[in-house]
Protein backbone atom coordinates (compact mmCIF):
# COMPACT_ATOMS: atom_id res chain seq x y z
CA UNK A 1 -0.10 -0.08 0.06
CA UNK A 2 2.63 2.21 0.80
CA UNK A 3 4.58 1.68 -2.40
CA UNK A 4 1.46 2.50 -4.46
CA UNK A 5 0.44 5.83 -2.46
CA UNK A 6 4.62 6.67 -3.37
CA UNK A 7 3.49 5.92 -7.06
CA UNK A 8 0.73 8.08 -7.05
CA UNK A 9 2.95 11.14 -5.67
CA UNK A 10 5.36 10.46 -8.09
CA UNK A 11 3.09 10.47 -11.10
CA UNK A 12 0.87 13.52 -9.66
CA UNK A 13 4.79 15.62 -8.52
CA UNK A 14 6.37 14.96 -11.79
CA UNK A 15 10.21 15.45 -12.65
CA UNK A 16 10.43 18.73 -14.26
CA UNK A 17 13.73 17.61 -16.52
CA UNK A 18 11.75 14.71 -17.88
CA UNK A 19 8.51 17.13 -18.53
CA UNK A 20 10.34 18.81 -21.00
CA UNK A 21 10.09 15.93 -23.45
CA UNK A 22 6.01 16.11 -23.11
CA UNK A 23 4.80 19.68 -24.81
CA UNK A 24 2.26 21.52 -22.44
CA UNK A 25 0.05 22.75 -25.13
CA UNK A 26 -0.59 21.77 -28.23
CA UNK A 27 -2.59 20.03 -30.48
CA UNK A 28 -2.32 16.79 -28.54
CA UNK A 29 -2.77 18.66 -25.54
CA UNK A 30 -6.05 19.84 -26.99
CA UNK A 31 -6.91 16.36 -28.29
CA UNK A 32 -6.85 14.44 -24.87
CA UNK A 33 -8.72 17.30 -22.90
CA UNK A 34 -11.37 17.64 -25.48
CA UNK A 35 -11.91 13.54 -26.02
CA UNK A 36 -11.78 12.89 -22.63
CA UNK A 37 -14.03 15.64 -22.06
CA UNK A 38 -16.16 14.48 -24.57
CA UNK A 39 -16.25 10.34 -23.51
CA UNK A 40 -17.14 11.73 -20.06
CA UNK A 41 -19.73 13.40 -21.04
CA UNK A 42 -21.47 10.43 -23.29
CA UNK A 43 -20.10 8.23 -20.33
CA UNK A 44 -22.41 9.80 -17.88
CA UNK A 45 -25.58 9.76 -20.33
CA UNK A 46 -25.18 5.74 -20.83
CA UNK A 47 -24.34 5.43 -17.02
CA UNK A 48 -28.12 7.24 -16.39
CA UNK A 49 -29.46 5.14 -19.41
CA UNK A 50 -27.98 1.70 -17.52
CA UNK A 51 -29.21 2.75 -13.87
CA UNK A 52 -32.59 4.30 -15.31
CA UNK A 53 -33.77 1.29 -17.17
CA UNK A 54 -32.81 -1.25 -14.18
CA UNK A 55 -34.84 1.11 -12.33
CA UNK A 56 -37.74 0.68 -14.96
CA UNK A 57 -37.43 -3.46 -15.39
CA UNK A 58 -37.80 -3.50 -11.27
CA UNK A 59 -41.15 -1.26 -10.78
CA UNK A 60 -42.61 -3.03 -14.08
CA UNK A 61 -42.28 -6.30 -12.44
CA UNK A 62 -43.57 -5.24 -9.02
CA UNK A 63 -46.73 -3.44 -10.13
CA UNK A 64 -49.74 -4.69 -10.71
CA UNK A 65 -53.20 -3.08 -10.73
CA UNK A 66 -56.61 -4.17 -8.80
CA UNK A 67 -60.13 -3.13 -10.98
CA UNK A 68 -62.99 -2.41 -8.51
CA UNK A 69 -66.42 -2.42 -10.21
CA UNK A 70 -69.17 -1.92 -8.10
CA UNK A 71 -72.60 -0.10 -8.01
CA UNK A 72 -71.52 3.27 -6.36
CA UNK A 73 -73.37 2.65 -3.27
CA UNK A 74 -71.27 -0.18 -2.65
CA UNK A 75 -67.81 0.97 -4.40
CA UNK A 76 -66.30 2.85 -0.90
CA UNK A 77 -67.10 -1.02 0.45
CA UNK A 78 -65.21 -3.00 -1.57
CA UNK A 79 -62.39 -0.64 -2.00
CA UNK A 80 -61.72 -0.82 1.59
CA UNK A 81 -62.40 -4.23 1.85
CA UNK A 82 -60.10 -5.08 -1.08
CA UNK A 83 -57.30 -2.93 0.86
CA UNK A 84 -57.46 -4.92 4.01
CA UNK A 85 -57.15 -8.21 1.52
CA UNK A 86 -53.85 -6.56 -0.21
CA UNK A 87 -52.74 -4.89 3.56
CA UNK A 88 -52.86 -8.57 4.50
CA UNK A 89 -51.26 -10.40 1.88
CA UNK A 90 -47.74 -11.47 1.95
CA UNK A 91 -45.53 -10.22 -0.65
CA UNK A 92 -47.49 -7.34 -1.34
CA UNK A 93 -45.46 -4.12 -0.17
CA UNK A 94 -48.03 -1.52 -0.59
CA UNK A 95 -51.24 -0.61 -1.84
CA UNK A 96 -53.58 2.50 -2.77
CA UNK A 97 -56.62 3.78 -4.27
CA UNK A 98 -55.97 6.29 -7.11
CA UNK A 99 -57.85 9.41 -6.45
CA UNK A 100 -59.84 11.26 -9.04
CA UNK A 101 -57.35 13.44 -10.06
CA UNK A 102 -55.25 10.76 -10.43
CA UNK A 103 -58.02 8.74 -12.68
CA UNK A 104 -58.85 11.65 -14.63
CA UNK A 105 -54.62 11.81 -15.58
CA UNK A 106 -54.83 8.49 -16.55
CA UNK A 107 -57.74 8.78 -19.31
CA UNK A 108 -56.97 12.47 -20.45
CA UNK A 109 -54.92 11.22 -23.73
CA UNK A 110 -58.03 9.51 -24.64
CA UNK A 111 -61.13 11.82 -23.59
CA UNK A 112 -59.45 15.06 -22.51
CA UNK A 113 -58.61 16.66 -19.31
CA UNK A 114 -61.65 17.95 -18.04
CA UNK A 115 -63.70 14.19 -18.39
CA UNK A 116 -66.18 14.44 -15.50
CA UNK A 117 -64.79 11.18 -13.52
CA UNK A 118 -67.34 11.75 -10.35
CA UNK A 119 -70.32 11.17 -13.03
CA UNK A 120 -69.43 8.35 -14.80
CA UNK A 121 -69.53 4.84 -13.95
CA UNK A 122 -65.19 4.41 -13.62
CA UNK A 123 -64.19 1.30 -11.93
CA UNK A 124 -62.00 2.21 -8.97
CA UNK A 125 -58.38 1.23 -9.38
CA UNK A 126 -56.07 0.11 -6.79
CA UNK A 127 -52.21 0.18 -7.36
CA UNK A 128 -50.49 -2.43 -6.01
CA UNK A 129 -46.56 -2.58 -5.36
CA UNK A 130 -45.09 -6.14 -4.68
CA UNK A 131 -41.61 -6.83 -2.46
CA UNK A 132 -39.02 -8.51 -3.98
CA UNK A 133 -40.19 -12.06 -3.41
CA UNK A 134 -43.31 -11.13 -5.19
CA UNK A 135 -47.08 -12.36 -3.98
CA UNK A 136 -49.38 -15.54 -4.73
CA UNK A 137 -51.39 -14.59 -8.02
CA UNK A 138 -53.57 -17.12 -8.28
CA UNK A 139 -54.16 -17.30 -4.21
CA UNK A 140 -54.77 -13.68 -4.05
CA UNK A 141 -57.65 -14.07 -6.83
CA UNK A 142 -59.09 -16.73 -4.82
CA UNK A 143 -59.76 -14.35 -1.87
CA UNK A 144 -60.76 -11.49 -3.65
CA UNK A 145 -63.05 -13.74 -5.44
CA UNK A 146 -64.70 -14.37 -2.30
CA UNK A 147 -64.45 -11.15 0.38
CA UNK A 148 -64.91 -8.44 -2.99
CA UNK A 149 -66.38 -10.11 -5.72
CA UNK A 150 -66.30 -6.87 -8.01
CA UNK A 151 -62.46 -6.38 -7.92
CA UNK A 152 -60.34 -7.81 -10.91
CA UNK A 153 -56.53 -8.57 -10.64
CA UNK A 154 -54.65 -7.64 -13.88
CA UNK A 155 -50.36 -8.39 -13.23
CA UNK A 156 -49.89 -6.69 -16.52
CA UNK A 157 -48.17 -9.66 -17.64
CA UNK A 158 -49.28 -9.92 -21.55
CA UNK A 159 -47.32 -6.37 -21.69
CA UNK A 160 -45.16 -6.59 -19.08
CA UNK A 161 -42.94 -9.17 -19.67
CA UNK A 162 -42.12 -7.47 -23.61
CA UNK A 163 -41.19 -3.72 -22.05
CA UNK A 164 -39.10 -5.63 -19.07
CA UNK A 165 -37.15 -7.53 -22.07
CA UNK A 166 -36.36 -4.13 -23.47
CA UNK A 167 -35.67 -2.00 -20.53
CA UNK A 168 -32.98 -4.84 -19.89
CA UNK A 169 -31.46 -4.75 -23.43
CA UNK A 170 -31.31 -1.29 -23.10
CA UNK A 171 -29.89 -1.91 -19.94
CA UNK A 172 -27.04 -4.00 -21.61
CA UNK A 173 -27.06 -1.22 -24.47
CA UNK A 174 -26.26 1.43 -22.01
CA UNK A 175 -23.44 -0.80 -20.29
CA UNK A 176 -21.73 -1.90 -24.03
CA UNK A 177 -21.63 1.76 -24.53
CA UNK A 178 -19.52 2.47 -21.43
CA UNK A 179 -17.07 0.18 -22.69
CA UNK A 180 -16.74 1.23 -26.12
CA UNK A 181 -16.10 4.76 -24.96
CA UNK A 182 -13.31 3.34 -22.90
CA UNK A 183 -12.05 1.43 -25.99
CA UNK A 184 -12.13 4.57 -27.87
CA UNK A 185 -10.44 6.60 -25.27
CA UNK A 186 -7.56 4.51 -25.19
CA UNK A 187 -7.36 4.81 -28.91
CA UNK A 188 -7.61 8.49 -28.96
CA UNK A 189 -5.21 9.00 -26.19
CA UNK A 190 -3.03 6.51 -27.74
CA UNK A 191 -3.06 8.33 -31.21
CA UNK A 192 -2.14 11.64 -28.71
CA UNK A 193 0.78 10.08 -27.20
CA UNK A 194 2.39 8.70 -30.17
CA UNK A 195 2.12 12.09 -32.21
CA UNK A 196 3.95 13.76 -28.89
CA UNK A 197 6.86 11.17 -29.10
CA UNK A 198 7.17 11.47 -32.64
CA UNK A 199 7.31 15.56 -32.79
CA UNK A 200 10.08 14.96 -29.80
CA UNK A 201 12.02 12.30 -31.44
CA UNK A 202 15.30 14.69 -31.06
CA UNK A 203 14.95 15.99 -27.64
CA UNK A 204 14.36 12.10 -26.78
CA UNK A 205 17.47 11.30 -28.17
CA UNK A 206 19.46 13.62 -26.68
CA UNK A 207 17.88 12.52 -23.11
CA UNK A 208 19.14 8.94 -23.64
CA UNK A 209 22.52 10.08 -24.94
CA UNK A 210 22.85 12.11 -21.21
CA UNK A 211 21.44 8.27 -19.51
CA UNK A 212 17.83 9.04 -19.04
CA UNK A 213 16.32 5.63 -19.19
CA UNK A 214 13.00 4.33 -21.23
CA UNK A 215 11.26 4.05 -18.21
CA UNK A 216 12.02 7.48 -17.37
CA UNK A 217 11.07 8.94 -19.95
CA UNK A 218 7.63 7.46 -20.54
CA UNK A 219 7.07 8.23 -17.03
CA UNK A 220 6.45 12.24 -18.28
CA UNK A 221 4.42 10.79 -21.01
CA UNK A 222 2.40 8.80 -18.71
CA UNK A 223 1.92 11.53 -16.30
CA UNK A 224 1.21 14.32 -18.47
CA UNK A 225 -1.41 12.41 -20.55
CA UNK A 226 -2.68 10.94 -17.55
CA UNK A 227 -3.36 14.11 -15.97
CA UNK A 228 -5.00 15.65 -19.52
CA UNK A 229 -7.23 12.48 -19.12
CA UNK A 230 -8.23 13.55 -15.42
CA UNK A 231 -8.79 17.17 -16.04
CA UNK A 232 -10.81 16.52 -19.23
CA UNK A 233 -12.68 13.70 -17.93
CA UNK A 234 -13.74 16.31 -14.85
CA UNK A 235 -15.08 18.60 -16.97
CA UNK A 236 -17.34 16.34 -19.21
CA UNK A 237 -18.39 14.50 -15.88
CA UNK A 238 -19.65 18.00 -14.69
CA UNK A 239 -21.41 19.16 -17.69
CA UNK A 240 -23.16 15.83 -18.36
CA UNK A 241 -24.12 15.69 -14.88
CA UNK A 242 -25.78 19.09 -14.94
CA UNK A 243 -27.38 17.81 -18.04
CA UNK A 244 -28.82 14.96 -16.77
CA UNK A 245 -29.72 16.99 -13.37
CA UNK A 246 -32.13 19.45 -15.65
CA UNK A 247 -33.85 16.49 -17.56
CA UNK A 248 -37.62 16.68 -16.26
CA UNK A 249 -38.24 14.24 -13.64
CA UNK A 250 -40.71 11.33 -13.89
CA UNK A 251 -43.18 13.24 -11.95
CA UNK A 252 -42.82 16.00 -14.29
CA UNK A 253 -43.69 14.14 -17.34
CA UNK A 254 -46.11 11.89 -15.90
CA UNK A 255 -45.47 9.36 -18.16
CA UNK A 256 -44.02 5.76 -18.48
CA UNK A 257 -39.90 5.36 -18.96
CA UNK A 258 -39.22 8.31 -17.81
CA UNK A 259 -36.80 10.41 -15.30
CA UNK A 260 -34.30 9.43 -17.31
CA UNK A 261 -31.27 9.79 -14.81
CA UNK A 262 -29.67 9.21 -10.85
CA UNK A 263 -31.64 8.60 -7.65
CA UNK A 264 -30.57 8.16 -4.29
CA UNK A 265 -26.52 7.03 -3.80
CA UNK A 266 -26.31 6.80 -7.85
CA UNK A 267 -25.52 10.18 -7.81
CA UNK A 268 -22.33 8.88 -6.71
CA UNK A 269 -21.42 6.74 -9.48
CA UNK A 270 -20.55 9.72 -12.58
CA UNK A 271 -17.80 10.37 -9.55
CA UNK A 272 -15.94 7.14 -11.02
CA UNK A 273 -15.81 8.16 -14.58
CA UNK A 274 -12.70 10.86 -14.33
CA UNK A 275 -10.99 7.91 -12.14
CA UNK A 276 -11.47 5.42 -14.66
CA UNK A 277 -10.93 8.18 -17.69
CA UNK A 278 -7.44 8.63 -16.17
CA UNK A 279 -6.90 4.99 -15.36
CA UNK A 280 -7.51 4.12 -19.20
CA UNK A 281 -5.24 7.03 -19.96
CA UNK A 282 -2.09 5.76 -17.67
CA UNK A 283 -2.53 2.34 -19.42
CA UNK A 284 -2.86 3.65 -22.75
CA UNK A 285 -0.35 6.35 -22.40
CA UNK A 286 2.30 4.30 -20.75
CA UNK A 287 2.17 0.93 -23.71
CA UNK A 288 2.13 3.36 -26.26
CA UNK A 289 5.12 5.14 -25.02
CA UNK A 290 6.96 2.05 -24.22
CA UNK A 291 6.22 0.36 -27.15
CA UNK A 292 7.54 4.09 -29.68
CA UNK A 293 11.05 4.28 -27.50
CA UNK A 294 11.83 0.61 -28.08
CA UNK A 295 10.94 1.12 -31.75
CA UNK A 296 13.23 4.40 -31.73
CA UNK A 297 16.20 3.16 -30.32
């Protein structure tokens, strides 16, 4: 552990003489910063997509609807009876009856926002949220048939499974995108490092003549390009996180597959992107520098 922190300190501190072999400015510096920033920005959105689709799949798998059709005078009693059945059913985490405003919002896309829900014989809807293990659907239907004759349980199996599968594939696509972004970042930084090594070939030969070893010269390139990638990725991550923060929330959008972003401790995940970018830059630059220096010797 002590050796690790020593290497990190040496990487951050650098060596003034060795750093002269790496141009502090120029197109390679701008290319590294721009590439790291752009790729970090894309990685934030890919990460947000992966985490959001994971939530979508989980919410779809745990949500079902109970529909109660009864005469107006019996609706309240059957609703209370259904809620009591659900409250005592193992595997049901939560159940609540939708109010008139919520039911009006559900029907608004078809009938408009001014539908007089309170005057129409519309079934009462109850949202049922299952816990991680779920509940016995057949057993719950049997209890409802005996205690609440006007209740119909819809677990959305017909349309839920394709949507869950689609959400899972989107999540996989997000993770694959992050891997491709890391690969593209490493490739661009490798090209930039090779260009910098070629442009400073004469200075590198002079350093070799005075006794500098290849690992000493390579360390300067690794340090400069790693710090550039870290800075660029930090800027890109900040911009991407702010952009995700400004996206409409699920409540504001009021629809399905909304709320693309981070929730709770997931906001810590973007902090790993600059660190991973620096790690990719470290590995890519070290390999490129040692290989190019060997070819120049």
